[in-house]
Every structure is written in C-alpha cells, then in structure tokens.
Amino acid sequence: MDNKDKIAEFLQGQLGEEEQVEFLDWVYSNAENKKEYFQQKDIWDSYKMYSEKGKINLKREWRILSNRIDLLKNPKVYTIRKNFGLWMRVAAIVIIVFGLGWGTNIVLNSFDKAEQMVHQLEVPKGQRSKLVLADGTEVWLNSDSKLGFSFDDDKKQRIVTLSGEAFFNVSKDEEKPFVVNVKGQSLKVLGTIFNVRSYDNEENVYTTLEEGSVEVKAAGRTVVIEPNQQLIYSRRSNRLSLKKVETNYYTVWREGRYVFENESFANLIRMVERWYDVKFEYPKEFFKNMHYSGVIKRTKPVEHVLTLINYTTKIKYEIKGDVIIIIPDE
C-alpha cells in the first residue's frame, strides 16, 4: 500500500484506532511525510464540497489530481538555449504547469527584432510555470504573465522584459549584469533572488528582494534595495516608496498560496481572476474602500475564496460559466 492509499483510508475514516495511531506516527515522523499528508488533505477537502453536492466522484477525482501532483514533486526543468530549432522542438514541453487547471496552453513566440532573435513566453490565467534560461537563471512566472528575452554573447548585459509577476534566482555573472525591464522602471542585478509584480492593470509595481541587491531606476531616481525590503513604484504619481517586509508573503505564490495583507478588494479580485481564469462583476463603488487580509490556497475552489470574503462582507453570488457576479447582501 502506497502513501496515498494510507492517506485516503485515514481521510475516509476506514482505519481502526490502532491503525490511526500508527498512521499519525508515520505522518509526524518526518517533515516530508507531514508535507505529503497536508498536501493530499487540501486536495481532499477541496473536492469534498463538490462531492457532497453530487457534482463529482470524489475518490476518482482526488486520485487523478494527487497523481498529477506526484509528477510535480521532482519536475523536469528545461533549459532555454539560443538554438532556435531546439527551442521550437521543446516548446510544447518546456513549461511546468501548476494549479487546478493542469493545462498546457502556453504561448511561445520567437521573432526577429533588430537583427536578433527575441523569444516571448506567455503564461495564461490559471497557470504558473518555471523555466531555466541559458545562463542558469531560474524564473518562475505567475498567472497571466509574459517574459521576453534574447541573450547574445556579444552583449554586455542579459536583458529580459516582464509584464505580470515573476520570481528570479539570477545566475551570477559580474561581466554581464542581469536587467529586468518593466513598464516605468528598470532593475539591474548581478546574482540575486527577488520577486517583481508588474501587471499592466495595476497601478503599482512591487519589487521584493530576498537575497543580494537590486538597483532600480524609476521616477528619475536610482534606488538600491537591500534584503527584506520592498520598493513600490506608483505609475500614477510617479513616486517611489521603500519599506521592510516579510519576503515570504510575496514569494509563496510559487507554492500555490497567496498571502494578502490589507489588500484592496479590486487587487484581491484581480488576483483571483488570474489564478482561477474567471471574470468577476461587482459594484465597484460599494467595495471601493474595503481591504482584506488572509491566505488563499490554490487547491481550494473559487467558491472557497467567496466564502472567505463573506466572513467580512456579507455577499451573494451567481456563477454563469466563467463569470461570477457578486452582489452585496444588505
């Protein structure tokens, strides 16, 4: 009997008292077992609600999804090299996709620009991906994000462009700084771990540094960010502000969690739209000054998010395909 079978029997209440004690001893015997148990439990809890409504076969769907997660425990990472033929051959499999969608609907474009080959990777809503560039730099892309890049040996910099959110673990090369261009600002590093959130439909650009240093040029200024700091650039006011943060709050999305603290309703809803590939309709004026804090797990269905909102703000909602209509319950 494998671990998933043990967990399934425990969650279904099929174990006797002695077996339950043995099982819990197994769970807490090491960190890996504990992580596997709670990962599978999250999936089970997410699907249980649908099962009770008669919408799915709980055991069958849980088994399918947990098997898919097994495939991601030791994911393959594909390196993007300059050879265009190789790039196109691996295009269909280069992206490691996470989330409940499990699709592989990524868009990969390559085109000539100023006599050099430029590659652009697009990750649609509902998905995340990870890739390794030719220089060894690791990049995680969040939902609804685009990354453009072209590394040439004769260039003095490694330059990428970003729209959306990405986490970078940059391979150090003192002779070739790594530059991230986003709308309104440019970031320059040597070997650094940091996160950038720069969605076109959001007012602010957030650069959060975990390790190393980042030199940011924006609003006519140059600012150097230190570890555990976040630089916020307002496109509307063209101003910069720097604050100390708990970096894990802003990078844990790679693990399927979204941590938000005093987040505006509009920003929270935009994040949920990206993660679940849905569209919300709601009275913007009613929610204009409302802010929320909490944690959302990607394995939970979108209805779970609405339940969390309802704890603070009484709402009703109607789901029509991929459109969710929120109505204040006054």
Protein backbone atom coordinates (compact mmCIF):
# COMPACT_ATOMS: atom_id res chain seq x y z
CA MET A 1 0.00 0.00 0.00
CA ASP A 2 1.48 3.36 -1.03
CA ASN A 3 1.29 6.61 0.91
CA LYS A 4 -1.73 7.96 -1.00
CA ASP A 5 -3.72 4.84 -0.12
CA LYS A 6 -2.85 5.27 3.57
CA ILE A 7 -3.90 8.90 3.50
CA ALA A 8 -7.11 8.12 1.61
CA GLU A 9 -8.16 5.45 4.14
CA PHE A 10 -7.45 7.81 7.04
CA LEU A 11 -9.42 10.68 5.46
CA GLN A 12 -12.33 8.32 4.76
CA GLY A 13 -12.36 7.06 8.36
CA GLN A 14 -11.56 3.49 7.35
CA LEU A 15 -8.73 2.93 9.85
CA GLY A 16 -9.17 1.35 13.26
CA GLU A 17 -7.89 3.02 16.44
CA GLU A 18 -4.50 1.27 16.39
CA GLU A 19 -4.13 1.90 12.66
CA GLN A 20 -4.91 5.59 13.20
CA VAL A 21 -2.19 5.84 15.83
CA GLU A 22 0.29 4.13 13.51
CA PHE A 23 -0.73 6.40 10.66
CA LEU A 24 -0.30 9.60 12.71
CA ASP A 25 3.09 8.34 13.89
CA TRP A 26 4.02 7.98 10.22
CA VAL A 27 2.75 11.50 9.40
CA TYR A 28 4.76 13.19 12.12
CA SER A 29 7.85 11.01 11.83
CA ASN A 30 9.45 13.47 9.39
CA ALA A 31 8.77 16.73 7.56
CA GLU A 32 8.33 15.05 4.15
CA ASN A 33 5.52 12.77 5.38
CA LYS A 34 3.80 15.67 7.09
CA LYS A 35 4.02 17.80 3.95
CA GLU A 36 2.61 14.99 1.79
CA TYR A 37 -0.29 14.38 4.16
CA PHE A 38 -1.41 18.00 4.35
CA GLN A 39 -0.97 18.44 0.61
CA GLN A 40 -3.28 15.49 -0.06
CA LYS A 41 -5.69 16.66 2.65
CA ASP A 42 -6.00 20.07 0.98
CA ILE A 43 -6.99 18.37 -2.26
CA TRP A 44 -9.43 16.06 -0.47
CA ASP A 45 -11.10 18.97 1.37
CA SER A 46 -11.38 20.97 -1.86
CA TYR A 47 -13.15 18.19 -3.73
CA LYS A 48 -15.26 17.03 -0.78
CA MET A 49 -17.54 20.05 -1.08
CA TYR A 50 -18.29 19.24 -4.71
CA SER A 51 -18.81 15.57 -3.93
CA GLU A 52 -21.44 16.40 -1.33
CA LYS A 53 -23.30 18.36 -3.99
CA GLY A 54 -23.21 15.32 -6.28
CA LYS A 55 -21.08 17.11 -8.84
CA ILE A 56 -18.06 14.78 -8.92
CA ASN A 57 -16.85 11.34 -7.99
CA LEU A 58 -14.68 12.35 -5.05
CA LYS A 59 -12.45 9.27 -4.88
CA ARG A 60 -11.78 9.18 -8.62
CA GLU A 61 -11.06 12.91 -9.00
CA TRP A 62 -8.91 13.05 -5.87
CA ARG A 63 -6.82 10.13 -7.08
CA ILE A 64 -6.31 11.70 -10.53
CA LEU A 65 -5.24 15.06 -9.12
CA SER A 66 -2.97 13.61 -6.44
CA ASN A 67 -1.23 11.51 -9.09
CA ARG A 68 -0.61 14.65 -11.11
CA ILE A 69 0.90 16.34 -8.08
CA ASP A 70 3.26 13.36 -7.72
CA LEU A 71 4.59 14.17 -11.17
CA LEU A 72 5.45 17.68 -9.99
CA LYS A 73 7.40 16.65 -6.87
CA ASN A 74 10.51 16.16 -8.97
CA PRO A 75 9.66 18.29 -12.01
CA LYS A 76 11.77 18.35 -15.11
CA VAL A 77 13.36 21.70 -15.82
CA TYR A 78 14.21 22.50 -19.39
CA THR A 79 16.99 24.91 -20.29
CA ILE A 80 16.29 27.50 -22.98
CA ARG A 81 19.26 27.76 -25.28
CA LYS A 82 19.96 30.05 -28.20
CA ASN A 83 19.49 27.38 -30.84
CA PHE A 84 16.15 28.31 -32.40
CA GLY A 85 15.46 24.83 -33.75
CA LEU A 86 15.89 23.28 -30.31
CA TRP A 87 13.73 26.00 -28.79
CA MET A 88 10.83 25.23 -31.07
CA ARG A 89 11.18 21.46 -30.57
CA VAL A 90 10.83 21.77 -26.81
CA ALA A 91 8.18 24.48 -26.98
CA ALA A 92 5.35 22.11 -26.14
CA ILE A 93 7.01 20.68 -23.04
CA VAL A 94 9.26 23.39 -21.68
CA ILE A 95 6.68 24.76 -19.28
CA ILE A 96 5.98 23.14 -15.94
CA VAL A 97 2.36 23.95 -15.18
CA PHE A 98 0.82 24.14 -11.71
CA GLY A 99 -2.69 24.70 -10.40
CA LEU A 100 -6.10 23.09 -10.73
CA GLY A 101 -6.28 23.77 -14.46
CA TRP A 102 -3.36 21.47 -15.27
CA GLY A 103 -3.45 22.63 -18.88
CA THR A 104 -0.51 23.21 -21.19
CA ASN A 105 -1.98 26.11 -23.11
CA ILE A 106 1.12 28.30 -23.15
CA VAL A 107 2.06 30.65 -25.94
CA LEU A 108 5.64 30.80 -27.16
CA ASN A 109 6.64 33.30 -29.82
CA SER A 110 10.00 33.91 -31.46
CA PHE A 111 10.62 36.73 -33.88
CA ASP A 112 13.40 38.85 -35.38
CA LYS A 113 13.92 42.24 -33.80
CA ALA A 114 16.85 44.48 -34.69
CA GLU A 115 18.65 41.54 -36.30
CA GLN A 116 18.43 39.33 -33.20
CA MET A 117 16.09 36.54 -32.20
CA VAL A 118 13.70 37.57 -29.43
CA HIS A 119 11.66 34.98 -27.53
CA GLN A 120 8.47 35.73 -25.63
CA LEU A 121 6.80 33.33 -23.23
CA GLU A 122 3.19 33.85 -22.18
CA VAL A 123 1.62 32.04 -19.23
CA PRO A 124 -2.19 32.29 -19.32
CA LYS A 125 -4.56 32.75 -16.42
CA GLY A 126 -4.97 29.75 -14.15
CA GLN A 127 -1.40 28.52 -14.62
CA ARG A 128 2.14 29.05 -13.34
CA SER A 129 5.41 27.93 -14.85
CA LYS A 130 9.13 27.62 -14.23
CA LEU A 131 11.99 27.72 -16.71
CA VAL A 132 15.76 27.95 -16.69
CA LEU A 133 17.47 30.36 -19.06
CA ALA A 134 20.70 29.53 -20.91
CA ASP A 135 22.81 31.37 -18.30
CA GLY A 136 21.38 29.21 -15.48
CA THR A 137 18.94 31.83 -14.20
CA GLU A 138 15.75 30.30 -12.81
CA VAL A 139 12.47 32.09 -13.48
CA TRP A 140 9.04 31.33 -12.04
CA LEU A 141 6.16 33.01 -13.88
CA ASN A 142 2.80 33.62 -12.24
CA SER A 143 -0.56 33.53 -14.00
CA ASP A 144 -1.23 36.00 -16.82
CA SER A 145 2.44 36.93 -17.23
CA LYS A 146 4.78 37.50 -20.18
CA LEU A 147 8.56 37.24 -20.32
CA GLY A 148 10.63 38.38 -23.27
CA PHE A 149 14.36 37.70 -23.61
CA SER A 150 17.27 37.45 -26.03
CA PHE A 151 20.78 36.67 -24.79
CA ASP A 152 23.63 37.31 -27.23
CA ASP A 153 27.26 36.52 -26.43
CA ASP A 154 28.45 39.90 -27.68
CA LYS A 155 26.10 41.88 -25.43
CA LYS A 156 27.31 43.37 -22.16
CA GLN A 157 24.01 42.75 -20.36
CA ARG A 158 21.43 39.99 -20.02
CA ILE A 159 18.12 41.75 -20.61
CA VAL A 160 14.57 40.47 -20.09
CA THR A 161 11.22 42.27 -20.22
CA LEU A 162 8.35 41.40 -17.91
CA SER A 163 4.64 42.04 -17.80
CA GLY A 164 2.96 40.34 -14.86
CA GLU A 165 4.71 38.65 -11.94
CA ALA A 166 7.95 36.67 -11.77
CA PHE A 167 10.38 35.33 -9.20
CA PHE A 168 14.04 35.38 -10.29
CA ASN A 169 17.02 33.44 -8.99
CA VAL A 170 19.71 35.06 -11.13
CA SER A 171 22.91 33.24 -12.03
CA LYS A 172 25.85 35.48 -11.10
CA ASP A 173 27.99 36.92 -13.92
CA GLU A 174 29.94 40.03 -12.92
CA GLU A 175 30.76 40.81 -16.54
CA LYS A 176 27.12 40.68 -17.65
CA PRO A 177 24.57 42.25 -15.27
CA PHE A 178 21.02 40.89 -15.43
CA VAL A 179 18.45 43.57 -16.28
CA VAL A 180 14.67 43.31 -15.89
CA ASN A 181 12.68 45.95 -17.76
CA VAL A 182 9.09 46.56 -16.71
CA LYS A 183 6.78 49.40 -17.59
CA GLY A 184 8.11 52.50 -15.85
CA GLN A 185 11.30 51.11 -14.38
CA SER A 186 14.46 49.06 -14.91
CA LEU A 187 16.11 46.66 -12.42
CA LYS A 188 19.79 45.71 -12.56
CA VAL A 189 21.43 42.83 -10.64
CA LEU A 190 24.44 40.51 -10.71
CA GLY A 191 23.38 37.45 -8.75
CA THR A 192 20.19 37.98 -6.78
CA ILE A 193 16.91 36.41 -5.63
CA PHE A 194 13.91 38.70 -5.95
CA ASN A 195 10.26 39.00 -6.98
CA VAL A 196 8.69 41.54 -9.34
CA ARG A 197 4.96 42.17 -9.67
CA SER A 198 4.12 44.47 -12.56
CA TYR A 199 0.69 43.86 -14.07
CA ASP A 200 -0.50 46.37 -16.65
CA ASN A 201 -3.91 46.72 -14.98
CA GLU A 202 -2.44 47.54 -11.56
CA GLU A 203 -1.24 50.98 -10.50
CA ASN A 204 1.84 49.87 -8.56
CA VAL A 205 4.99 47.88 -9.37
CA TYR A 206 6.33 45.85 -6.43
CA THR A 207 9.97 44.71 -6.27
CA THR A 208 10.70 42.48 -3.28
CA LEU A 209 14.27 41.42 -2.50
CA GLU A 210 15.09 38.15 -0.76
CA GLU A 211 18.84 37.95 -1.27
CA GLY A 212 21.59 40.08 -2.87
CA SER A 213 20.90 43.62 -4.06
CA VAL A 214 18.85 45.29 -6.78
CA GLU A 215 19.46 48.68 -8.37
CA VAL A 216 16.20 50.18 -9.57
CA LYS A 217 15.85 53.13 -11.91
CA ALA A 218 12.43 54.74 -11.89
CA ALA A 219 10.80 58.16 -11.50
CA GLY A 220 14.11 59.81 -12.37
CA ARG A 221 15.83 58.22 -9.39
CA THR A 222 18.15 55.28 -8.71
CA VAL A 223 17.40 53.23 -5.58
CA VAL A 224 19.33 50.24 -4.23
CA ILE A 225 17.14 47.66 -2.47
CA GLU A 226 18.50 45.53 0.35
CA PRO A 227 17.30 42.07 1.50
CA ASN A 228 13.86 42.02 3.19
CA GLN A 229 12.91 45.29 1.56
CA GLN A 230 10.21 46.08 -0.98
CA LEU A 231 10.22 49.01 -3.39
CA ILE A 232 6.82 50.25 -4.52
CA TYR A 233 6.63 52.37 -7.65
CA SER A 234 3.38 54.21 -8.34
CA ARG A 235 2.81 54.67 -12.05
CA ARG A 236 0.06 57.18 -11.38
CA SER A 237 2.01 59.54 -9.12
CA ASN A 238 5.47 58.56 -10.46
CA ARG A 239 6.71 58.12 -6.89
CA LEU A 240 8.84 55.54 -5.08
CA SER A 241 8.48 54.21 -1.54
CA LEU A 242 10.66 51.66 0.28
CA LYS A 243 9.61 49.50 3.22
CA LYS A 244 10.77 46.48 5.23
CA VAL A 245 8.68 43.34 4.60
CA GLU A 246 8.42 39.63 5.29
CA THR A 247 9.55 38.47 1.85
CA ASN A 248 7.85 35.08 2.09
CA TYR A 249 4.45 36.81 1.87
CA TYR A 250 5.33 37.97 -1.64
CA THR A 251 7.05 34.85 -2.98
CA VAL A 252 4.95 32.00 -1.56
CA TRP A 253 2.69 32.10 -4.66
CA ARG A 254 5.21 29.68 -6.22
CA GLU A 255 3.98 27.08 -3.71
CA GLY A 256 0.32 27.60 -4.53
CA ARG A 257 -0.55 30.09 -1.78
CA TYR A 258 -1.49 33.74 -1.98
CA VAL A 259 -0.89 35.78 1.19
CA PHE A 260 -2.52 39.19 1.25
CA GLU A 261 -2.42 41.85 3.94
CA ASN A 262 -4.69 44.90 3.87
CA GLU A 263 -5.22 44.26 0.15
CA SER A 264 -7.83 46.31 -1.67
CA PHE A 265 -10.85 44.41 -2.92
CA ALA A 266 -10.01 45.33 -6.52
CA ASN A 267 -6.47 43.90 -6.27
CA LEU A 268 -7.72 40.78 -4.49
CA ILE A 269 -10.32 40.14 -7.18
CA ARG A 270 -7.78 40.67 -9.97
CA MET A 271 -5.54 38.05 -8.37
CA VAL A 272 -8.43 35.58 -8.08
CA GLU A 273 -9.32 36.18 -11.73
CA ARG A 274 -5.77 35.30 -12.77
CA TRP A 275 -5.48 32.23 -10.57
CA TYR A 276 -8.84 30.70 -11.47
CA ASP A 277 -9.25 32.09 -15.00
CA VAL A 278 -12.63 33.64 -14.25
CA LYS A 279 -14.18 37.09 -14.60
CA PHE A 280 -15.88 38.98 -11.76
CA GLU A 281 -18.65 41.52 -11.99
CA TYR A 282 -19.39 43.56 -8.85
CA PRO A 283 -20.46 47.08 -7.79
CA LYS A 284 -17.09 48.83 -7.69
CA GLU A 285 -18.30 51.79 -5.65
CA PHE A 286 -19.58 49.52 -2.85
CA PHE A 287 -16.21 47.76 -2.47
CA LYS A 288 -14.08 50.84 -3.19
CA ASN A 289 -12.65 51.34 0.32
CA MET A 290 -12.70 47.74 1.53
CA HIS A 291 -9.47 45.86 2.33
CA TYR A 292 -8.81 42.25 3.24
CA SER A 293 -6.12 40.08 4.82
CA GLY A 294 -5.73 36.32 4.69
CA VAL A 295 -4.34 33.30 2.86
CA ILE A 296 -5.76 31.54 -0.19
CA LYS A 297 -4.63 28.07 -1.23
CA ARG A 298 -4.64 27.32 -4.92
CA THR A 299 -6.02 23.83 -4.31
CA LYS A 300 -9.23 25.35 -2.95
CA PRO A 301 -12.11 26.01 -5.40
CA VAL A 302 -13.04 29.59 -6.22
CA GLU A 303 -16.15 29.27 -4.05
CA HIS A 304 -13.83 28.98 -1.06
CA VAL A 305 -12.50 32.47 -1.79
CA LEU A 306 -16.03 33.85 -1.89
CA THR A 307 -16.76 32.18 1.45
CA LEU A 308 -13.73 33.91 2.99
CA ILE A 309 -14.90 37.29 1.67
CA ASN A 310 -18.36 36.60 3.07
CA TYR A 311 -16.93 36.30 6.59
CA THR A 312 -16.11 40.01 6.49
CA THR A 313 -18.54 41.38 3.93
CA LYS A 314 -21.92 39.73 3.51
CA ILE A 315 -22.35 38.89 -0.18
CA LYS A 316 -24.38 36.76 -2.53
CA TYR A 317 -23.00 35.49 -5.81
CA GLU A 318 -24.11 33.86 -9.03
CA ILE A 319 -21.86 31.81 -11.30
CA LYS A 320 -22.58 31.92 -15.04
CA GLY A 321 -19.93 29.87 -16.83
CA ASP A 322 -16.63 31.63 -16.16
CA VAL A 323 -18.33 34.84 -14.95
CA ILE A 324 -19.03 35.33 -11.25
CA ILE A 325 -21.46 38.08 -10.26
CA ILE A 326 -21.06 39.40 -6.70
CA ILE A 327 -23.97 41.20 -5.05
CA PRO A 328 -23.80 42.81 -1.58
CA ASP A 329 -26.19 41.03 0.81
CA GLU A 330 -27.54 44.04 2.66
